[in-house]
């Protein structure tokens, strides 16, 4: 089966940094598009960043210039480097895998909590 597993969340002070990781199994990772989303209490799920199989990236306006998405196809892992964190970045962060061919479909992880607070 397909597994999407996030890690790296935690508590960080404003201005700090965190790096989230998402490891995927069960699909052909190298030809899948990947994304990070977040959801704060009482709010809708929000797009943070996407990275296509070819490496092209896209960012939500609220994180441009602060967050960087990257991928390591050899490790079946996508990363989200988060810098200059703000309290409003507090949310559950979810990884999404869009498999195009083998087991085609959209797959979500269980989420990892990021809390930015002093």
N, C-alpha and C. Protein backbone atom coordinates (compact mmCIF):
# COMPACT_ATOMS: atom_id res chain seq x y z
N UNK A 1 0.84 -1.19 0.00
CA UNK A 1 0.00 0.00 0.00
C UNK A 1 0.88 1.25 0.00
N UNK A 2 0.25 2.37 -0.21
CA UNK A 2 0.97 3.64 -0.25
C UNK A 2 1.05 4.22 1.16
N UNK A 3 2.25 4.65 1.53
CA UNK A 3 2.45 5.29 2.83
C UNK A 3 3.12 6.64 2.63
N UNK A 4 2.59 7.64 3.33
CA UNK A 4 3.14 8.99 3.32
C UNK A 4 3.37 9.37 4.78
N UNK A 5 4.62 9.58 5.16
CA UNK A 5 4.95 9.79 6.56
C UNK A 5 5.75 11.08 6.74
N UNK A 6 5.15 12.01 7.48
CA UNK A 6 5.82 13.28 7.78
C UNK A 6 6.58 13.19 9.10
N UNK A 7 7.60 14.01 9.22
CA UNK A 7 8.34 14.13 10.48
C UNK A 7 9.00 15.50 10.53
N UNK A 8 9.46 15.87 11.74
CA UNK A 8 10.22 17.10 11.89
C UNK A 8 9.48 18.26 12.53
N UNK A 9 8.21 18.08 12.84
CA UNK A 9 7.49 19.16 13.48
C UNK A 9 7.93 19.35 14.92
N UNK A 10 7.42 20.41 15.54
CA UNK A 10 7.76 20.67 16.93
C UNK A 10 7.48 22.10 17.33
N UNK A 11 8.02 22.48 18.46
CA UNK A 11 7.86 23.82 19.00
C UNK A 11 9.11 24.64 18.70
N UNK A 12 8.91 25.83 18.17
CA UNK A 12 10.04 26.70 17.83
C UNK A 12 9.66 28.14 18.16
N UNK A 13 10.65 28.94 18.51
CA UNK A 13 10.40 30.34 18.83
C UNK A 13 10.24 31.15 17.55
N UNK A 14 9.53 32.26 17.63
CA UNK A 14 9.43 33.15 16.46
C UNK A 14 10.81 33.54 15.94
N UNK A 15 10.94 33.52 14.62
CA UNK A 15 12.22 33.80 14.00
C UNK A 15 13.09 32.57 13.78
N UNK A 16 12.69 31.46 14.36
CA UNK A 16 13.45 30.23 14.25
C UNK A 16 13.19 29.46 12.96
N UNK A 17 13.81 28.28 12.88
CA UNK A 17 13.71 27.45 11.68
C UNK A 17 13.37 26.01 12.05
N UNK A 18 12.73 25.33 11.11
CA UNK A 18 12.46 23.91 11.21
C UNK A 18 12.56 23.32 9.82
N UNK A 19 12.89 22.02 9.74
CA UNK A 19 12.84 21.33 8.47
C UNK A 19 11.94 20.11 8.60
N UNK A 20 10.91 20.09 7.79
CA UNK A 20 10.01 18.95 7.74
C UNK A 20 10.46 17.97 6.66
N UNK A 21 10.23 16.70 6.92
CA UNK A 21 10.53 15.65 5.94
C UNK A 21 9.27 14.83 5.68
N UNK A 22 9.18 14.30 4.48
CA UNK A 22 8.06 13.43 4.12
C UNK A 22 8.60 12.32 3.25
N UNK A 23 8.48 11.10 3.75
CA UNK A 23 8.97 9.94 3.02
C UNK A 23 7.79 9.13 2.50
N UNK A 24 7.87 8.74 1.24
CA UNK A 24 6.76 8.06 0.57
C UNK A 24 7.20 6.68 0.10
N UNK A 25 6.32 5.73 0.25
CA UNK A 25 6.56 4.39 -0.28
C UNK A 25 5.30 3.90 -0.98
N UNK A 26 5.49 2.97 -1.92
CA UNK A 26 4.35 2.36 -2.59
C UNK A 26 3.98 2.97 -3.92
N UNK A 27 4.63 4.09 -4.30
CA UNK A 27 4.41 4.70 -5.61
C UNK A 27 5.78 4.99 -6.24
N UNK A 28 5.75 5.40 -7.50
CA UNK A 28 7.01 5.77 -8.15
C UNK A 28 7.26 7.24 -7.83
N UNK A 29 8.05 7.46 -6.80
CA UNK A 29 8.23 8.80 -6.26
C UNK A 29 8.80 9.78 -7.30
N UNK A 30 9.73 9.32 -8.10
CA UNK A 30 10.45 10.23 -9.00
C UNK A 30 9.55 10.88 -10.05
N UNK A 31 8.41 10.25 -10.35
CA UNK A 31 7.51 10.83 -11.35
C UNK A 31 6.23 11.36 -10.72
N UNK A 32 6.26 11.51 -9.39
CA UNK A 32 5.11 12.04 -8.67
C UNK A 32 5.33 13.49 -8.30
N UNK A 33 4.26 14.26 -8.36
CA UNK A 33 4.30 15.64 -7.87
C UNK A 33 4.03 15.63 -6.37
N UNK A 34 4.76 16.47 -5.64
CA UNK A 34 4.65 16.48 -4.18
C UNK A 34 4.26 17.87 -3.69
N UNK A 35 3.61 17.90 -2.53
CA UNK A 35 3.21 19.19 -1.99
C UNK A 35 3.13 19.18 -0.48
N UNK A 36 3.23 20.36 0.09
CA UNK A 36 3.02 20.58 1.52
C UNK A 36 1.82 21.51 1.68
N UNK A 37 0.97 21.17 2.62
CA UNK A 37 -0.19 21.97 2.96
C UNK A 37 -0.22 22.12 4.47
N UNK A 38 -1.00 23.07 4.95
CA UNK A 38 -1.17 23.21 6.39
C UNK A 38 -2.60 23.59 6.72
N UNK A 39 -2.97 23.26 7.95
CA UNK A 39 -4.31 23.61 8.42
C UNK A 39 -4.23 24.05 9.88
N UNK A 40 -4.64 25.28 10.12
CA UNK A 40 -4.70 25.82 11.47
C UNK A 40 -6.11 25.60 12.01
N UNK A 41 -6.27 25.59 13.34
CA UNK A 41 -7.59 25.39 13.93
C UNK A 41 -8.61 26.40 13.41
N UNK A 42 -9.75 25.91 12.96
CA UNK A 42 -10.81 26.79 12.48
C UNK A 42 -10.60 27.34 11.09
N UNK A 43 -9.54 26.90 10.40
CA UNK A 43 -9.25 27.41 9.07
C UNK A 43 -9.22 26.28 8.05
N UNK A 44 -9.36 26.65 6.78
CA UNK A 44 -9.28 25.66 5.72
C UNK A 44 -7.83 25.26 5.46
N UNK A 45 -7.67 24.07 4.88
CA UNK A 45 -6.34 23.62 4.50
C UNK A 45 -5.77 24.56 3.43
N UNK A 46 -4.51 24.92 3.61
CA UNK A 46 -3.86 25.94 2.77
C UNK A 46 -2.65 25.35 2.05
N UNK A 47 -2.51 25.67 0.76
CA UNK A 47 -1.34 25.26 0.02
C UNK A 47 -0.11 26.04 0.49
N UNK A 48 0.96 25.31 0.80
CA UNK A 48 2.22 25.94 1.18
C UNK A 48 3.18 25.94 0.02
N UNK A 49 3.45 24.75 -0.52
CA UNK A 49 4.42 24.65 -1.61
C UNK A 49 4.21 23.34 -2.35
N UNK A 50 4.53 23.36 -3.63
CA UNK A 50 4.52 22.14 -4.43
C UNK A 50 5.82 22.03 -5.21
N UNK A 51 6.18 20.80 -5.51
CA UNK A 51 7.34 20.56 -6.36
C UNK A 51 6.97 19.44 -7.33
N UNK A 52 7.11 19.73 -8.61
CA UNK A 52 6.74 18.75 -9.62
C UNK A 52 7.85 17.73 -9.82
N UNK A 53 7.53 16.68 -10.53
CA UNK A 53 8.51 15.63 -10.75
C UNK A 53 9.75 16.17 -11.46
N UNK A 54 9.56 17.18 -12.29
CA UNK A 54 10.68 17.77 -13.01
C UNK A 54 11.45 18.80 -12.22
N UNK A 55 10.97 19.10 -11.00
CA UNK A 55 11.69 20.01 -10.12
C UNK A 55 11.10 21.41 -10.01
N UNK A 56 10.13 21.75 -10.85
CA UNK A 56 9.51 23.06 -10.76
C UNK A 56 8.77 23.24 -9.47
N UNK A 57 8.83 24.44 -8.90
CA UNK A 57 8.23 24.71 -7.59
C UNK A 57 7.21 25.83 -7.65
N UNK A 58 6.32 25.81 -6.65
CA UNK A 58 5.31 26.85 -6.53
C UNK A 58 5.07 27.06 -5.04
N UNK A 59 4.88 28.34 -4.63
CA UNK A 59 4.71 28.65 -3.21
C UNK A 59 3.46 29.48 -2.98
N UNK A 60 2.86 29.27 -1.80
CA UNK A 60 1.79 30.14 -1.38
C UNK A 60 2.33 31.51 -1.01
N UNK A 61 1.52 32.53 -1.18
CA UNK A 61 1.99 33.90 -0.94
C UNK A 61 2.47 34.11 0.49
N UNK A 62 1.86 33.42 1.45
CA UNK A 62 2.19 33.66 2.85
C UNK A 62 3.57 33.14 3.24
N UNK A 63 4.18 32.30 2.41
CA UNK A 63 5.47 31.71 2.77
C UNK A 63 6.59 32.01 1.78
N UNK A 64 6.28 32.73 0.72
CA UNK A 64 7.31 33.04 -0.29
C UNK A 64 8.47 33.78 0.34
N UNK A 65 9.67 33.32 0.03
CA UNK A 65 10.88 33.95 0.56
C UNK A 65 11.31 33.43 1.91
N UNK A 66 10.45 32.64 2.55
CA UNK A 66 10.79 32.10 3.88
C UNK A 66 10.91 30.57 3.87
N UNK A 67 10.08 29.91 3.06
CA UNK A 67 10.07 28.45 3.01
C UNK A 67 10.65 27.99 1.68
N UNK A 68 11.29 26.80 1.72
CA UNK A 68 11.85 26.20 0.52
C UNK A 68 11.49 24.72 0.47
N UNK A 69 10.92 24.30 -0.65
CA UNK A 69 10.60 22.89 -0.84
C UNK A 69 11.68 22.27 -1.73
N UNK A 70 12.05 21.03 -1.40
CA UNK A 70 13.04 20.32 -2.20
C UNK A 70 12.73 18.83 -2.14
N UNK A 71 13.37 18.07 -3.01
CA UNK A 71 13.11 16.63 -3.04
C UNK A 71 14.41 15.87 -3.30
N UNK A 72 14.44 14.65 -2.76
CA UNK A 72 15.55 13.72 -2.99
C UNK A 72 14.92 12.44 -3.53
N UNK A 73 14.98 12.26 -4.83
CA UNK A 73 14.31 11.10 -5.43
C UNK A 73 14.97 9.78 -5.01
N UNK A 74 16.24 9.81 -4.73
CA UNK A 74 16.92 8.58 -4.30
C UNK A 74 16.42 8.12 -2.95
N UNK A 75 15.96 9.07 -2.13
CA UNK A 75 15.48 8.75 -0.78
C UNK A 75 13.95 8.75 -0.70
N UNK A 76 13.28 8.97 -1.83
CA UNK A 76 11.80 9.05 -1.83
C UNK A 76 11.29 10.05 -0.80
N UNK A 77 11.96 11.18 -0.69
CA UNK A 77 11.66 12.14 0.37
C UNK A 77 11.56 13.55 -0.18
N UNK A 78 10.58 14.28 0.34
CA UNK A 78 10.44 15.70 0.05
C UNK A 78 10.62 16.46 1.35
N UNK A 79 11.24 17.63 1.26
CA UNK A 79 11.55 18.43 2.44
C UNK A 79 10.87 19.79 2.35
N UNK A 80 10.65 20.37 3.53
CA UNK A 80 10.19 21.75 3.61
C UNK A 80 11.06 22.47 4.63
N UNK A 81 11.94 23.32 4.16
CA UNK A 81 12.78 24.13 5.03
C UNK A 81 12.02 25.41 5.36
N UNK A 82 11.78 25.64 6.64
CA UNK A 82 11.00 26.78 7.09
C UNK A 82 11.88 27.71 7.90
N UNK A 83 12.07 28.92 7.42
CA UNK A 83 12.88 29.92 8.11
C UNK A 83 12.01 31.12 8.50
N UNK A 84 12.54 31.92 9.40
CA UNK A 84 11.84 33.14 9.85
C UNK A 84 10.40 32.83 10.24
N UNK A 85 10.24 31.81 11.04
CA UNK A 85 8.90 31.36 11.41
C UNK A 85 8.17 32.40 12.25
N UNK A 86 6.86 32.47 12.02
CA UNK A 86 5.99 33.42 12.72
C UNK A 86 4.91 32.65 13.47
N UNK A 87 4.33 33.26 14.50
CA UNK A 87 3.24 32.57 15.22
C UNK A 87 2.11 32.13 14.28
N UNK A 88 1.85 32.88 13.24
CA UNK A 88 0.77 32.51 12.32
C UNK A 88 1.11 31.31 11.43
N UNK A 89 2.34 30.82 11.52
CA UNK A 89 2.70 29.59 10.82
C UNK A 89 2.29 28.35 11.62
N UNK A 90 1.81 28.56 12.83
CA UNK A 90 1.36 27.44 13.66
C UNK A 90 0.21 26.71 13.00
N UNK A 91 0.38 25.40 12.80
CA UNK A 91 -0.63 24.59 12.11
C UNK A 91 -0.17 23.14 12.10
N UNK A 92 -1.06 22.28 11.64
CA UNK A 92 -0.67 20.92 11.29
C UNK A 92 -0.27 20.94 9.82
N UNK A 93 0.91 20.42 9.55
CA UNK A 93 1.45 20.41 8.20
C UNK A 93 1.30 19.02 7.59
N UNK A 94 0.75 18.98 6.38
CA UNK A 94 0.47 17.73 5.70
C UNK A 94 1.26 17.62 4.41
N UNK A 95 1.71 16.42 4.14
CA UNK A 95 2.39 16.12 2.88
C UNK A 95 1.40 15.44 1.93
N UNK A 96 1.49 15.79 0.66
CA UNK A 96 0.62 15.20 -0.35
C UNK A 96 1.44 14.68 -1.51
N UNK A 97 1.09 13.48 -1.95
CA UNK A 97 1.76 12.87 -3.10
C UNK A 97 0.73 12.67 -4.21
N UNK A 98 1.06 13.14 -5.39
CA UNK A 98 0.19 12.97 -6.56
C UNK A 98 0.88 11.98 -7.50
N UNK A 99 0.40 10.73 -7.44
CA UNK A 99 0.99 9.70 -8.29
C UNK A 99 0.32 9.71 -9.65
N UNK A 100 1.12 9.71 -10.71
CA UNK A 100 0.56 9.91 -12.03
C UNK A 100 0.24 8.61 -12.75
N UNK A 101 1.01 7.56 -12.49
CA UNK A 101 0.85 6.35 -13.28
C UNK A 101 0.55 5.17 -12.37
N UNK A 102 1.58 4.59 -11.78
CA UNK A 102 1.41 3.44 -10.90
C UNK A 102 0.64 3.87 -9.66
N UNK A 103 -0.45 3.17 -9.36
CA UNK A 103 -1.33 3.52 -8.22
C UNK A 103 -1.70 5.01 -8.30
N UNK A 104 -2.15 5.43 -9.44
CA UNK A 104 -2.46 6.83 -9.68
C UNK A 104 -3.48 7.34 -8.66
N UNK A 105 -3.22 8.54 -8.14
CA UNK A 105 -4.13 9.11 -7.18
C UNK A 105 -3.43 10.10 -6.28
N UNK A 106 -4.18 10.62 -5.29
CA UNK A 106 -3.68 11.60 -4.35
C UNK A 106 -3.62 10.97 -2.97
N UNK A 107 -2.46 11.09 -2.33
CA UNK A 107 -2.24 10.45 -1.04
C UNK A 107 -1.75 11.48 -0.03
N UNK A 108 -2.29 11.36 1.22
CA UNK A 108 -1.96 12.30 2.29
C UNK A 108 -1.30 11.59 3.46
N UNK A 109 -0.41 12.31 4.13
CA UNK A 109 0.15 11.83 5.37
C UNK A 109 -0.77 12.16 6.54
N UNK A 110 -0.33 11.79 7.72
CA UNK A 110 -1.16 11.99 8.92
C UNK A 110 -0.98 13.39 9.51
N UNK A 111 0.03 14.10 9.05
CA UNK A 111 0.28 15.46 9.52
C UNK A 111 1.28 15.52 10.65
N UNK A 112 1.96 16.66 10.73
CA UNK A 112 2.89 16.91 11.83
C UNK A 112 2.66 18.32 12.35
N UNK A 113 2.61 18.45 13.67
CA UNK A 113 2.28 19.74 14.29
C UNK A 113 3.50 20.65 14.34
N UNK A 114 3.31 21.88 13.90
CA UNK A 114 4.33 22.92 14.04
C UNK A 114 3.72 24.04 14.88
N UNK A 115 4.39 24.37 15.97
CA UNK A 115 3.93 25.43 16.86
C UNK A 115 5.03 26.47 16.99
N UNK A 116 4.69 27.71 16.68
CA UNK A 116 5.64 28.81 16.77
C UNK A 116 5.18 29.71 17.90
N UNK A 117 5.95 29.71 18.97
CA UNK A 117 5.55 30.45 20.16
C UNK A 117 6.76 30.73 21.03
N UNK A 118 6.71 31.85 21.74
CA UNK A 118 7.78 32.17 22.68
C UNK A 118 7.41 31.70 24.07
